[in-house]
N, C-alpha and C. Protein backbone atom coordinates (compact mmCIF):
# COMPACT_ATOMS: atom_id res chain seq x y z
N UNK A 1 -196.58 -50.64 169.99
CA UNK A 1 -195.77 -51.60 170.73
C UNK A 1 -194.31 -51.17 170.66
N UNK A 2 -193.66 -51.24 171.80
CA UNK A 2 -192.27 -50.81 171.85
C UNK A 2 -191.36 -51.82 171.16
N UNK A 3 -190.28 -51.30 170.62
CA UNK A 3 -189.31 -52.12 169.88
C UNK A 3 -188.78 -53.27 170.73
N UNK A 4 -188.54 -53.00 172.01
CA UNK A 4 -188.00 -54.03 172.89
C UNK A 4 -188.96 -55.20 173.03
N UNK A 5 -190.26 -54.92 173.06
CA UNK A 5 -191.27 -55.97 173.17
C UNK A 5 -191.29 -56.79 171.89
N UNK A 6 -191.19 -56.13 170.75
CA UNK A 6 -191.14 -56.83 169.46
C UNK A 6 -189.95 -57.78 169.43
N UNK A 7 -188.79 -57.26 169.80
CA UNK A 7 -187.56 -58.06 169.78
C UNK A 7 -187.70 -59.27 170.71
N UNK A 8 -188.22 -59.04 171.90
CA UNK A 8 -188.37 -60.14 172.87
C UNK A 8 -189.31 -61.22 172.34
N UNK A 9 -190.45 -60.81 171.79
CA UNK A 9 -191.43 -61.78 171.27
C UNK A 9 -190.84 -62.56 170.10
N UNK A 10 -190.19 -61.86 169.17
CA UNK A 10 -189.60 -62.54 168.01
C UNK A 10 -188.54 -63.52 168.47
N UNK A 11 -187.66 -63.08 169.34
CA UNK A 11 -186.60 -63.97 169.83
C UNK A 11 -187.17 -65.20 170.52
N UNK A 12 -188.22 -65.00 171.31
CA UNK A 12 -188.83 -66.12 172.02
C UNK A 12 -189.42 -67.14 171.06
N UNK A 13 -190.15 -66.69 170.02
CA UNK A 13 -190.72 -67.69 169.13
C UNK A 13 -189.67 -68.30 168.21
N UNK A 14 -188.58 -67.60 167.95
CA UNK A 14 -187.48 -68.22 167.19
C UNK A 14 -186.86 -69.37 167.98
N UNK A 15 -186.70 -69.16 169.27
CA UNK A 15 -186.12 -70.19 170.14
C UNK A 15 -187.11 -71.34 170.34
N UNK A 16 -188.35 -71.00 170.68
CA UNK A 16 -189.34 -72.02 171.02
C UNK A 16 -189.88 -72.79 169.83
N UNK A 17 -190.21 -72.09 168.76
CA UNK A 17 -190.88 -72.73 167.63
C UNK A 17 -189.94 -73.15 166.50
N UNK A 18 -188.81 -72.45 166.38
CA UNK A 18 -187.90 -72.73 165.27
C UNK A 18 -186.59 -73.36 165.74
N UNK A 19 -186.48 -73.56 167.07
CA UNK A 19 -185.31 -74.20 167.67
C UNK A 19 -183.99 -73.52 167.31
N UNK A 20 -184.04 -72.19 167.21
CA UNK A 20 -182.84 -71.41 166.96
C UNK A 20 -182.10 -71.27 168.29
N UNK A 21 -180.80 -71.43 168.24
CA UNK A 21 -179.98 -71.27 169.44
C UNK A 21 -179.96 -69.80 169.85
N UNK A 22 -180.11 -69.53 171.12
CA UNK A 22 -180.12 -68.15 171.62
C UNK A 22 -178.85 -67.41 171.22
N UNK A 23 -177.72 -68.10 171.17
CA UNK A 23 -176.45 -67.48 170.82
C UNK A 23 -176.44 -66.99 169.37
N UNK A 24 -177.30 -67.56 168.52
CA UNK A 24 -177.36 -67.16 167.11
C UNK A 24 -178.30 -65.98 166.86
N UNK A 25 -178.97 -65.53 167.91
CA UNK A 25 -179.94 -64.44 167.75
C UNK A 25 -179.27 -63.11 168.10
N UNK A 26 -178.98 -62.35 167.07
CA UNK A 26 -178.43 -61.00 167.22
C UNK A 26 -178.89 -60.20 166.01
N UNK A 27 -178.85 -58.89 166.13
CA UNK A 27 -179.45 -58.00 165.13
C UNK A 27 -178.98 -58.26 163.70
N UNK A 28 -177.70 -58.51 163.51
CA UNK A 28 -177.16 -58.69 162.16
C UNK A 28 -177.21 -60.14 161.66
N UNK A 29 -177.83 -61.02 162.43
CA UNK A 29 -177.94 -62.42 162.02
C UNK A 29 -178.75 -62.53 160.74
N UNK A 30 -178.22 -63.27 159.79
CA UNK A 30 -178.91 -63.49 158.52
C UNK A 30 -179.97 -64.56 158.72
N UNK A 31 -181.20 -64.27 158.28
CA UNK A 31 -182.30 -65.21 158.51
C UNK A 31 -182.06 -66.56 157.84
N UNK A 32 -181.51 -66.55 156.64
CA UNK A 32 -181.31 -67.80 155.92
C UNK A 32 -180.02 -68.50 156.33
N UNK A 33 -178.94 -67.76 156.39
CA UNK A 33 -177.63 -68.38 156.63
C UNK A 33 -177.35 -68.64 158.11
N UNK A 34 -177.48 -67.62 158.93
CA UNK A 34 -177.16 -67.75 160.35
C UNK A 34 -178.24 -68.53 161.10
N UNK A 35 -179.50 -68.15 160.87
CA UNK A 35 -180.59 -68.80 161.59
C UNK A 35 -181.09 -70.07 160.89
N UNK A 36 -180.58 -70.30 159.68
CA UNK A 36 -180.89 -71.49 158.90
C UNK A 36 -182.38 -71.69 158.66
N UNK A 37 -183.09 -70.59 158.37
CA UNK A 37 -184.51 -70.66 158.05
C UNK A 37 -184.66 -70.93 156.55
N UNK A 38 -185.46 -71.92 156.20
CA UNK A 38 -185.69 -72.22 154.79
C UNK A 38 -187.07 -71.69 154.37
N UNK A 39 -187.47 -71.97 153.13
CA UNK A 39 -188.73 -71.42 152.63
C UNK A 39 -189.93 -71.90 153.43
N UNK A 40 -189.92 -73.13 153.89
CA UNK A 40 -191.02 -73.62 154.72
C UNK A 40 -191.05 -72.90 156.06
N UNK A 41 -189.87 -72.62 156.61
CA UNK A 41 -189.80 -71.87 157.86
C UNK A 41 -190.37 -70.47 157.70
N UNK A 42 -190.19 -69.88 156.53
CA UNK A 42 -190.73 -68.54 156.31
C UNK A 42 -192.25 -68.56 156.33
N UNK A 43 -192.86 -69.63 155.85
CA UNK A 43 -194.32 -69.77 155.93
C UNK A 43 -194.73 -69.84 157.40
N UNK A 44 -194.02 -70.64 158.17
CA UNK A 44 -194.31 -70.74 159.60
C UNK A 44 -194.04 -69.42 160.32
N UNK A 45 -193.05 -68.69 159.84
CA UNK A 45 -192.73 -67.39 160.42
C UNK A 45 -193.89 -66.41 160.23
N UNK A 46 -194.51 -66.44 159.06
CA UNK A 46 -195.67 -65.59 158.77
C UNK A 46 -196.79 -65.91 159.75
N UNK A 47 -197.02 -67.20 159.98
CA UNK A 47 -198.06 -67.63 160.92
C UNK A 47 -197.72 -67.19 162.35
N UNK A 48 -196.47 -67.33 162.73
CA UNK A 48 -196.04 -66.92 164.07
C UNK A 48 -196.20 -65.42 164.29
N UNK A 49 -195.88 -64.63 163.26
CA UNK A 49 -196.04 -63.18 163.37
C UNK A 49 -197.52 -62.82 163.51
N UNK A 50 -198.34 -63.47 162.71
CA UNK A 50 -199.78 -63.18 162.78
C UNK A 50 -200.34 -63.53 164.15
N UNK A 51 -199.96 -64.67 164.71
CA UNK A 51 -200.50 -65.07 166.01
C UNK A 51 -199.92 -64.25 167.16
N UNK A 52 -198.68 -63.80 167.03
CA UNK A 52 -198.05 -63.03 168.12
C UNK A 52 -198.31 -61.53 168.05
N UNK A 53 -198.50 -61.01 166.83
CA UNK A 53 -198.63 -59.57 166.67
C UNK A 53 -199.94 -59.13 166.01
N UNK A 54 -200.68 -60.08 165.43
CA UNK A 54 -201.94 -59.73 164.79
C UNK A 54 -201.80 -59.00 163.47
N UNK A 55 -200.65 -59.13 162.81
CA UNK A 55 -200.45 -58.51 161.50
C UNK A 55 -200.15 -59.59 160.47
N UNK A 56 -200.58 -59.33 159.25
CA UNK A 56 -200.35 -60.28 158.17
C UNK A 56 -199.13 -59.85 157.36
N UNK A 57 -198.32 -60.84 157.03
CA UNK A 57 -197.17 -60.61 156.16
C UNK A 57 -197.41 -61.40 154.87
N UNK A 58 -196.90 -60.86 153.78
CA UNK A 58 -196.97 -61.56 152.50
C UNK A 58 -195.55 -61.74 151.97
N UNK A 59 -195.39 -62.56 150.97
CA UNK A 59 -194.07 -62.84 150.42
C UNK A 59 -193.32 -61.60 150.02
N UNK A 60 -194.02 -60.63 149.47
CA UNK A 60 -193.37 -59.38 149.03
C UNK A 60 -192.75 -58.61 150.19
N UNK A 61 -193.29 -58.81 151.40
CA UNK A 61 -192.72 -58.13 152.57
C UNK A 61 -191.29 -58.57 152.84
N UNK A 62 -190.93 -59.76 152.39
CA UNK A 62 -189.62 -60.33 152.70
C UNK A 62 -188.56 -60.05 151.63
N UNK A 63 -188.94 -59.33 150.57
CA UNK A 63 -188.02 -59.12 149.45
C UNK A 63 -186.68 -58.54 149.91
N UNK A 64 -186.71 -57.53 150.75
CA UNK A 64 -185.48 -56.87 151.18
C UNK A 64 -185.14 -57.17 152.65
N UNK A 65 -185.67 -58.26 153.16
CA UNK A 65 -185.42 -58.63 154.56
C UNK A 65 -184.38 -59.75 154.58
N UNK A 66 -183.21 -59.42 155.10
CA UNK A 66 -182.12 -60.40 155.16
C UNK A 66 -181.66 -60.66 156.58
N UNK A 67 -181.70 -59.62 157.42
CA UNK A 67 -181.20 -59.76 158.78
C UNK A 67 -182.35 -59.73 159.78
N UNK A 68 -182.04 -60.17 160.97
CA UNK A 68 -183.02 -60.15 162.04
C UNK A 68 -183.45 -58.71 162.34
N UNK A 69 -182.52 -57.77 162.30
CA UNK A 69 -182.87 -56.37 162.54
C UNK A 69 -183.88 -55.87 161.51
N UNK A 70 -183.69 -56.22 160.26
CA UNK A 70 -184.64 -55.83 159.21
C UNK A 70 -186.00 -56.47 159.46
N UNK A 71 -186.01 -57.68 159.98
CA UNK A 71 -187.26 -58.35 160.31
C UNK A 71 -187.97 -57.65 161.46
N UNK A 72 -187.23 -57.28 162.51
CA UNK A 72 -187.80 -56.51 163.62
C UNK A 72 -188.43 -55.22 163.08
N UNK A 73 -187.69 -54.53 162.21
CA UNK A 73 -188.15 -53.25 161.65
C UNK A 73 -189.42 -53.45 160.82
N UNK A 74 -189.49 -54.55 160.08
CA UNK A 74 -190.67 -54.85 159.27
C UNK A 74 -191.90 -54.98 160.16
N UNK A 75 -191.77 -55.72 161.24
CA UNK A 75 -192.90 -55.90 162.16
C UNK A 75 -193.29 -54.56 162.78
N UNK A 76 -192.30 -53.78 163.16
CA UNK A 76 -192.58 -52.46 163.75
C UNK A 76 -193.35 -51.58 162.76
N UNK A 77 -192.95 -51.60 161.48
CA UNK A 77 -193.67 -50.82 160.45
C UNK A 77 -195.09 -51.32 160.27
N UNK A 78 -195.28 -52.62 160.29
CA UNK A 78 -196.62 -53.19 160.12
C UNK A 78 -197.55 -52.84 161.29
N UNK A 79 -196.96 -52.70 162.46
CA UNK A 79 -197.75 -52.37 163.65
C UNK A 79 -198.08 -50.88 163.74
N UNK A 80 -197.35 -50.08 163.01
CA UNK A 80 -197.55 -48.61 163.09
C UNK A 80 -198.85 -48.17 162.46
């Protein structure tokens, strides 16, 4: 899957399911601070990734994930 498709899908479910403002979605946006995702949102994020991309994420996958760009990259690695 191309990176652009990953980015588009992630951005769409952030807007639709997590009510993130489109203006807050940019590569360096911090998942916790900028996008205001809390621990419960991360559980929902795992479910959203699984349903949109067919890959499973675990808590350890998020250890070094702070920005949206790092999250895009994580999904891309999981799909490879």
